[in-house]
Amino acid sequence: MSAIRVIRHAAVILALVLLASHAQAQSLEVHGFFDVGAMRFSASDSFDAVLGSPVGVVFGGGAGVVLPQNIFIDARASRFKKDGQRVVVNNGEVFDLGIGNTVTITPFEITGGYRFGRSRDSVRPYAGGGISWYRYDETDQFATSGESVSERFTGFHLLGGAEFRVSQWLGIAGELAWASVPDALGQEPGSVGAAFGETNLGGTTFRAKVVIGR
């Protein structure tokens, strides 16, 4: 699914939420946020072989709305990028080819969930889940445009966290998320993912968020 289609779907969802809220003649809370976190990939052996570690830093941001019923809908985009090496795996042993490469992963997520407590509470736990679209790009220092990898996959995610209100319009939050993106890796017989029997591009992420709005 292209980025334009994803953005269109997100816009439709937000528009429906706005119409539903207006019909009920009740207030709607709107917020934006940015975050930074550490993600541990489910395909730990594959990422460790190529990038030197199954853990990486992820930056993201987005916006959302909260209905009077404490139901929220968020749209979030994020990015992971790290340099590594081309490798070959034989009988579980990793051989470095000495060719540098770069892996870039760009998820776009739509999340629906529930905020516990009341809007005036200083601490509000929340939980939710939704659908994710991942763009996976991989290129090396000698690759031509036709040799670089650029693929898109669909997955799902679950998350939970708690937000602390610093002021009426500013909050900070800690969040734990788990994502599954099946059949994204290891589809080529000679790939690193196939050698380790790892196909899932998802993982577990802990992130810190700064929330602007309500």
C-alpha atoms as a PDB file:
ATOM      1  CA  MET A   1       0.000   0.000   0.000  1.00  0.00           C
ATOM      2  CA  SER A   2       1.431   3.405  -1.015  1.00  0.00           C
ATOM      3  CA  ALA A   3       2.057   6.203   1.476  1.00  0.00           C
ATOM      4  CA  ILE A   4      -0.569   8.351  -0.287  1.00  0.00           C
ATOM      5  CA  ARG A   5      -3.250   5.668   0.171  1.00  0.00           C
ATOM      6  CA  VAL A   6      -2.310   5.240   3.826  1.00  0.00           C
ATOM      7  CA  ILE A   7      -2.564   8.983   4.420  1.00  0.00           C
ATOM      8  CA  ARG A   8      -5.946   9.020   2.688  1.00  0.00           C
ATOM      9  CA  HIS A   9      -7.217   6.208   4.905  1.00  0.00           C
ATOM     10  CA  ALA A  10      -5.988   8.041   8.005  1.00  0.00           C
ATOM     11  CA  ALA A  11      -7.708  11.233   6.863  1.00  0.00           C
ATOM     12  CA  VAL A  12     -10.991   9.372   6.319  1.00  0.00           C
ATOM     13  CA  ILE A  13     -10.806   7.840   9.798  1.00  0.00           C
ATOM     14  CA  LEU A  14     -10.130  11.192  11.425  1.00  0.00           C
ATOM     15  CA  ALA A  15     -12.937  12.805   9.427  1.00  0.00           C
ATOM     16  CA  LEU A  16     -15.413  10.149  10.585  1.00  0.00           C
ATOM     17  CA  VAL A  17     -14.347  10.697  14.172  1.00  0.00           C
ATOM     18  CA  LEU A  18     -14.866  14.444  13.824  1.00  0.00           C
ATOM     19  CA  LEU A  19     -18.319  13.975  12.301  1.00  0.00           C
ATOM     20  CA  ALA A  20     -19.367  11.542  15.026  1.00  0.00           C
ATOM     21  CA  SER A  21     -18.221  13.906  17.717  1.00  0.00           C
ATOM     22  CA  HIS A  22     -19.986  16.881  16.138  1.00  0.00           C
ATOM     23  CA  ALA A  23     -23.195  14.886  15.849  1.00  0.00           C
ATOM     24  CA  GLN A  24     -23.044  14.184  19.558  1.00  0.00           C
ATOM     25  CA  ALA A  25     -22.397  17.894  20.296  1.00  0.00           C
ATOM     26  CA  GLN A  26     -19.600  16.998  22.679  1.00  0.00           C
ATOM     27  CA  SER A  27     -16.004  18.199  22.991  1.00  0.00           C
ATOM     28  CA  LEU A  28     -13.158  16.485  21.156  1.00  0.00           C
ATOM     29  CA  GLU A  29      -9.604  16.350  22.518  1.00  0.00           C
ATOM     30  CA  VAL A  30      -6.877  16.728  19.908  1.00  0.00           C
ATOM     31  CA  HIS A  31      -3.166  16.090  20.442  1.00  0.00           C
ATOM     32  CA  GLY A  32       0.146  15.719  18.660  1.00  0.00           C
ATOM     33  CA  PHE A  33       3.222  13.876  19.869  1.00  0.00           C
ATOM     34  CA  PHE A  34       6.775  12.878  19.095  1.00  0.00           C
ATOM     35  CA  ASP A  35       8.723   9.996  20.574  1.00  0.00           C
ATOM     36  CA  VAL A  36      12.026   8.174  20.731  1.00  0.00           C
ATOM     37  CA  GLY A  37      12.463   4.555  21.694  1.00  0.00           C
ATOM     38  CA  ALA A  38      14.480   1.363  21.533  1.00  0.00           C
ATOM     39  CA  MET A  39      13.165  -1.558  19.497  1.00  0.00           C
ATOM     40  CA  ARG A  40      14.254  -5.185  19.800  1.00  0.00           C
ATOM     41  CA  PHE A  41      13.461  -7.025  16.580  1.00  0.00           C
ATOM     42  CA  SER A  42      11.808 -10.438  16.656  1.00  0.00           C
ATOM     43  CA  ALA A  43      14.301 -11.579  13.993  1.00  0.00           C
ATOM     44  CA  SER A  44      17.096 -11.110  16.512  1.00  0.00           C
ATOM     45  CA  ASP A  45      19.671 -13.410  14.896  1.00  0.00           C
ATOM     46  CA  SER A  46      19.170 -11.852  11.461  1.00  0.00           C
ATOM     47  CA  PHE A  47      19.517  -8.262  12.661  1.00  0.00           C
ATOM     48  CA  ASP A  48      22.438  -9.167  14.895  1.00  0.00           C
ATOM     49  CA  ALA A  49      24.238 -10.739  11.926  1.00  0.00           C
ATOM     50  CA  VAL A  50      23.673  -7.810   9.550  1.00  0.00           C
ATOM     51  CA  LEU A  51      23.609  -4.787  11.880  1.00  0.00           C
ATOM     52  CA  GLY A  52      25.632  -6.056  14.839  1.00  0.00           C
ATOM     53  CA  SER A  53      22.692  -5.875  17.265  1.00  0.00           C
ATOM     54  CA  PRO A  54      18.994  -6.862  17.376  1.00  0.00           C
ATOM     55  CA  VAL A  55      18.211  -3.533  19.104  1.00  0.00           C
ATOM     56  CA  GLY A  56      17.992  -0.109  17.487  1.00  0.00           C
ATOM     57  CA  VAL A  57      16.770   3.436  18.049  1.00  0.00           C
ATOM     58  CA  VAL A  58      13.433   4.477  16.542  1.00  0.00           C
ATOM     59  CA  PHE A  59      12.170   8.051  16.141  1.00  0.00           C
ATOM     60  CA  GLY A  60       8.516   8.828  15.525  1.00  0.00           C
ATOM     61  CA  GLY A  61       5.630  11.231  15.796  1.00  0.00           C
ATOM     62  CA  GLY A  62       1.998  11.694  14.967  1.00  0.00           C
ATOM     63  CA  ALA A  63      -1.375  13.052  16.018  1.00  0.00           C
ATOM     64  CA  GLY A  64      -4.679  11.820  17.330  1.00  0.00           C
ATOM     65  CA  VAL A  65      -8.051  12.500  18.857  1.00  0.00           C
ATOM     66  CA  VAL A  66      -9.823  11.379  22.027  1.00  0.00           C
ATOM     67  CA  LEU A  67     -13.592  10.969  22.070  1.00  0.00           C
ATOM     68  CA  PRO A  68     -15.655  11.876  25.138  1.00  0.00           C
ATOM     69  CA  GLN A  69     -16.030   8.128  25.797  1.00  0.00           C
ATOM     70  CA  ASN A  70     -12.214   7.944  26.421  1.00  0.00           C
ATOM     71  CA  ILE A  71     -11.698   6.153  23.103  1.00  0.00           C
ATOM     72  CA  PHE A  72      -8.667   7.422  21.184  1.00  0.00           C
ATOM     73  CA  ILE A  73      -7.480   7.114  17.594  1.00  0.00           C
ATOM     74  CA  ASP A  74      -3.847   7.880  16.750  1.00  0.00           C
ATOM     75  CA  ALA A  75      -1.906   8.007  13.499  1.00  0.00           C
ATOM     76  CA  ARG A  76       1.869   7.596  13.861  1.00  0.00           C
ATOM     77  CA  ALA A  77       4.870   7.422  11.532  1.00  0.00           C
ATOM     78  CA  SER A  78       8.357   6.387  12.625  1.00  0.00           C
ATOM     79  CA  ARG A  79      11.779   5.524  11.244  1.00  0.00           C
ATOM     80  CA  PHE A  80      14.620   3.145  11.991  1.00  0.00           C
ATOM     81  CA  LYS A  81      17.908   3.442  10.089  1.00  0.00           C
ATOM     82  CA  LYS A  82      21.224   1.708  10.704  1.00  0.00           C
ATOM     83  CA  ASP A  83      24.359   0.804   8.791  1.00  0.00           C
ATOM     84  CA  GLY A  84      25.636  -2.766   8.726  1.00  0.00           C
ATOM     85  CA  GLN A  85      27.414  -5.338   6.551  1.00  0.00           C
ATOM     86  CA  ARG A  86      26.406  -7.831   3.895  1.00  0.00           C
ATOM     87  CA  VAL A  87      26.811 -11.346   5.281  1.00  0.00           C
ATOM     88  CA  VAL A  88      26.401 -14.971   4.301  1.00  0.00           C
ATOM     89  CA  VAL A  89      25.191 -17.587   6.779  1.00  0.00           C
ATOM     90  CA  ASN A  90      26.334 -21.203   6.444  1.00  0.00           C
ATOM     91  CA  ASN A  91      25.241 -23.799   9.006  1.00  0.00           C
ATOM     92  CA  GLY A  92      24.567 -21.040  11.523  1.00  0.00           C
ATOM     93  CA  GLU A  93      27.974 -19.407  11.066  1.00  0.00           C
ATOM     94  CA  VAL A  94      28.048 -15.796   9.866  1.00  0.00           C
ATOM     95  CA  PHE A  95      30.629 -14.690   7.263  1.00  0.00           C
ATOM     96  CA  ASP A  96      31.139 -10.949   6.723  1.00  0.00           C
ATOM     97  CA  LEU A  97      31.461 -10.029   3.029  1.00  0.00           C
ATOM     98  CA  GLY A  98      33.047  -6.658   3.767  1.00  0.00           C
ATOM     99  CA  ILE A  99      30.325  -4.771   1.880  1.00  0.00           C
ATOM    100  CA  GLY A 100      28.608  -2.025   3.832  1.00  0.00           C
ATOM    101  CA  ASN A 101      24.838  -1.746   3.687  1.00  0.00           C
ATOM    102  CA  THR A 102      22.063   0.379   5.160  1.00  0.00           C
ATOM    103  CA  VAL A 103      18.703  -0.851   6.449  1.00  0.00           C
ATOM    104  CA  THR A 104      15.817   1.615   6.733  1.00  0.00           C
ATOM    105  CA  ILE A 105      12.410   0.674   8.153  1.00  0.00           C
ATOM    106  CA  THR A 106       9.518   3.148   8.024  1.00  0.00           C
ATOM    107  CA  PRO A 107       6.290   2.070   9.756  1.00  0.00           C
ATOM    108  CA  PHE A 108       2.956   3.882   9.558  1.00  0.00           C
ATOM    109  CA  GLU A 109       0.410   2.880  12.209  1.00  0.00           C
ATOM    110  CA  ILE A 110      -3.244   3.509  12.961  1.00  0.00           C
ATOM    111  CA  THR A 111      -4.114   2.753  16.593  1.00  0.00           C
ATOM    112  CA  GLY A 112      -7.435   2.647  18.393  1.00  0.00           C
ATOM    113  CA  GLY A 113      -7.668   2.245  22.143  1.00  0.00           C
ATOM    114  CA  TYR A 114      -9.005   3.330  25.488  1.00  0.00           C
ATOM    115  CA  ARG A 115      -7.760   5.863  28.046  1.00  0.00           C
ATOM    116  CA  PHE A 116      -8.518   4.969  31.645  1.00  0.00           C
ATOM    117  CA  GLY A 117      -9.513   7.551  34.234  1.00  0.00           C
ATOM    118  CA  ARG A 118     -10.826  11.068  33.741  1.00  0.00           C
ATOM    119  CA  SER A 119      -9.506  13.940  31.633  1.00  0.00           C
ATOM    120  CA  ARG A 120      -8.536  15.945  34.734  1.00  0.00           C
ATOM    121  CA  ASP A 121      -6.425  13.093  36.207  1.00  0.00           C
ATOM    122  CA  SER A 122      -2.685  13.803  36.292  1.00  0.00           C
ATOM    123  CA  VAL A 123      -1.807  10.209  35.316  1.00  0.00           C
ATOM    124  CA  ARG A 124      -3.810   8.302  32.706  1.00  0.00           C
ATOM    125  CA  PRO A 125      -3.003   4.721  31.686  1.00  0.00           C
ATOM    126  CA  TYR A 126      -4.063   3.610  28.212  1.00  0.00           C
ATOM    127  CA  ALA A 127      -4.058   0.540  25.982  1.00  0.00           C
ATOM    128  CA  GLY A 128      -4.792  -0.116  22.337  1.00  0.00           C
ATOM    129  CA  GLY A 129      -3.971  -1.867  19.102  1.00  0.00           C
ATOM    130  CA  GLY A 130      -4.234  -1.469  15.384  1.00  0.00           C
ATOM    131  CA  ILE A 131      -2.873  -2.029  11.904  1.00  0.00           C
ATOM    132  CA  SER A 132       0.605  -1.198  10.621  1.00  0.00           C
ATOM    133  CA  TRP A 133       2.160  -0.681   7.211  1.00  0.00           C
ATOM    134  CA  TYR A 134       5.927  -1.163   6.998  1.00  0.00           C
ATOM    135  CA  ARG A 135       8.274  -0.001   4.264  1.00  0.00           C
ATOM    136  CA  TYR A 136      11.569  -1.913   4.265  1.00  0.00           C
ATOM    137  CA  ASP A 137      14.561  -0.553   2.310  1.00  0.00           C
ATOM    138  CA  GLU A 138      18.005  -2.105   2.075  1.00  0.00           C
ATOM    139  CA  THR A 139      20.911  -0.967  -0.066  1.00  0.00           C
ATOM    140  CA  ASP A 140      24.659  -1.473  -0.122  1.00  0.00           C
ATOM    141  CA  GLN A 141      27.585   0.668  -1.231  1.00  0.00           C
ATOM    142  CA  PHE A 142      27.840  -1.013  -4.647  1.00  0.00           C
ATOM    143  CA  ALA A 143      24.161  -1.555  -5.418  1.00  0.00           C
ATOM    144  CA  THR A 144      22.494   0.030  -8.434  1.00  0.00           C
ATOM    145  CA  SER A 145      18.941   1.360  -8.219  1.00  0.00           C
ATOM    146  CA  GLY A 146      17.603  -1.945  -9.561  1.00  0.00           C
ATOM    147  CA  GLU A 147      19.526  -4.019  -7.019  1.00  0.00           C
ATOM    148  CA  SER A 148      18.379  -2.197  -3.901  1.00  0.00           C
ATOM    149  CA  VAL A 149      15.556  -3.757  -1.873  1.00  0.00           C
ATOM    150  CA  SER A 150      12.363  -1.753  -1.302  1.00  0.00           C
ATOM    151  CA  GLU A 151       9.305  -3.654  -0.113  1.00  0.00           C
ATOM    152  CA  ARG A 152       6.080  -3.006   1.787  1.00  0.00           C
ATOM    153  CA  PHE A 153       4.324  -5.221   4.314  1.00  0.00           C
ATOM    154  CA  THR A 154       1.214  -5.146   6.509  1.00  0.00           C
ATOM    155  CA  GLY A 155       1.113  -6.113  10.173  1.00  0.00           C
ATOM    156  CA  PHE A 156      -0.578  -5.342  13.461  1.00  0.00           C
ATOM    157  CA  HIS A 157       0.430  -4.067  16.882  1.00  0.00           C
ATOM    158  CA  LEU A 158      -0.587  -3.817  20.538  1.00  0.00           C
ATOM    159  CA  LEU A 159       0.511  -1.169  23.008  1.00  0.00           C
ATOM    160  CA  GLY A 160       0.030   0.149  26.509  1.00  0.00           C
ATOM    161  CA  GLY A 161       1.396   2.967  28.589  1.00  0.00           C
ATOM    162  CA  ALA A 162       0.706   5.841  30.931  1.00  0.00           C
ATOM    163  CA  GLU A 163       0.704   9.587  30.371  1.00  0.00           C
ATOM    164  CA  PHE A 164       1.617  12.146  33.027  1.00  0.00           C
ATOM    165  CA  ARG A 165       0.212  15.632  32.563  1.00  0.00           C
ATOM    166  CA  VAL A 166       2.878  18.260  33.184  1.00  0.00           C
ATOM    167  CA  SER A 167       0.380  21.024  32.423  1.00  0.00           C
ATOM    168  CA  GLN A 168      -2.987  21.410  30.730  1.00  0.00           C
ATOM    169  CA  TRP A 169      -1.412  21.249  27.261  1.00  0.00           C
ATOM    170  CA  LEU A 170       1.757  19.233  27.845  1.00  0.00           C
ATOM    171  CA  GLY A 171       2.290  15.617  28.878  1.00  0.00           C
ATOM    172  CA  ILE A 172       5.008  12.967  28.937  1.00  0.00           C
ATOM    173  CA  ALA A 173       4.394   9.256  28.552  1.00  0.00           C
ATOM    174  CA  GLY A 174       6.115   5.897  28.687  1.00  0.00           C
ATOM    175  CA  GLU A 175       4.853   3.260  26.265  1.00  0.00           C
ATOM    176  CA  LEU A 176       5.492  -0.408  25.551  1.00  0.00           C
ATOM    177  CA  ALA A 177       4.499  -1.716  22.116  1.00  0.00           C
ATOM    178  CA  TRP A 178       4.616  -5.082  20.391  1.00  0.00           C
ATOM    179  CA  ALA A 179       4.324  -5.453  16.618  1.00  0.00           C
ATOM    180  CA  SER A 180       4.002  -8.418  14.300  1.00  0.00           C
ATOM    181  CA  VAL A 181       4.794  -8.173  10.578  1.00  0.00           C
ATOM    182  CA  PRO A 182       4.671 -11.785   9.336  1.00  0.00           C
ATOM    183  CA  ASP A 183       6.280 -13.153   6.163  1.00  0.00           C
ATOM    184  CA  ALA A 184       8.390 -10.047   5.613  1.00  0.00           C
ATOM    185  CA  LEU A 185      11.861 -11.597   5.928  1.00  0.00           C
ATOM    186  CA  GLY A 186      13.453 -14.844   4.777  1.00  0.00           C
ATOM    187  CA  GLN A 187      11.412 -15.217   1.590  1.00  0.00           C
ATOM    188  CA  GLU A 188      14.526 -15.711  -0.568  1.00  0.00           C
ATOM    189  CA  PRO A 189      16.240 -19.114  -0.116  1.00  0.00           C
ATOM    190  CA  GLY A 190      19.714 -17.594   0.270  1.00  0.00           C
ATOM    191  CA  SER A 191      18.731 -14.728   2.577  1.00  0.00           C
ATOM    192  CA  VAL A 192      19.881 -14.266   6.170  1.00  0.00           C
ATOM    193  CA  GLY A 193      16.309 -14.570   7.448  1.00  0.00           C
ATOM    194  CA  ALA A 194      15.858 -17.893   5.664  1.00  0.00           C
ATOM    195  CA  ALA A 195      19.134 -19.207   7.117  1.00  0.00           C
ATOM    196  CA  PHE A 196      17.941 -18.455  10.660  1.00  0.00           C
ATOM    197  CA  GLY A 197      14.290 -19.354  10.044  1.00  0.00           C
ATOM    198  CA  GLU A 198      13.151 -15.806  10.897  1.00  0.00           C
ATOM    199  CA  THR A 199      10.393 -14.141   8.880  1.00  0.00           C
ATOM    200  CA  ASN A 200       8.813 -11.534  11.169  1.00  0.00           C
ATOM    201  CA  LEU A 201       9.843  -7.878  10.819  1.00  0.00           C
ATOM    202  CA  GLY A 202       8.120  -6.814  14.044  1.00  0.00           C
ATOM    203  CA  GLY A 203       9.432  -6.598  17.559  1.00  0.00           C
ATOM    204  CA  THR A 204       9.056  -5.007  20.976  1.00  0.00           C
ATOM    205  CA  THR A 205       9.601  -1.295  21.565  1.00  0.00           C
ATOM    206  CA  PHE A 206       9.807   0.891  24.639  1.00  0.00           C
ATOM    207  CA  ARG A 207       9.464   4.583  23.886  1.00  0.00           C
ATOM    208  CA  ALA A 208       9.230   7.906  25.672  1.00  0.00           C
ATOM    209  CA  LYS A 209       6.711  10.395  24.310  1.00  0.00           C
ATOM    210  CA  VAL A 210       6.119  14.127  24.575  1.00  0.00           C
ATOM    211  CA  VAL A 211       2.431  14.949  24.065  1.00  0.00           C
ATOM    212  CA  ILE A 212       1.199  18.402  23.050  1.00  0.00           C
ATOM    213  CA  GLY A 213      -2.508  19.007  23.436  1.00  0.00           C
ATOM    214  CA  ARG A 214      -5.101  16.984  25.341  1.00  0.00           C
END
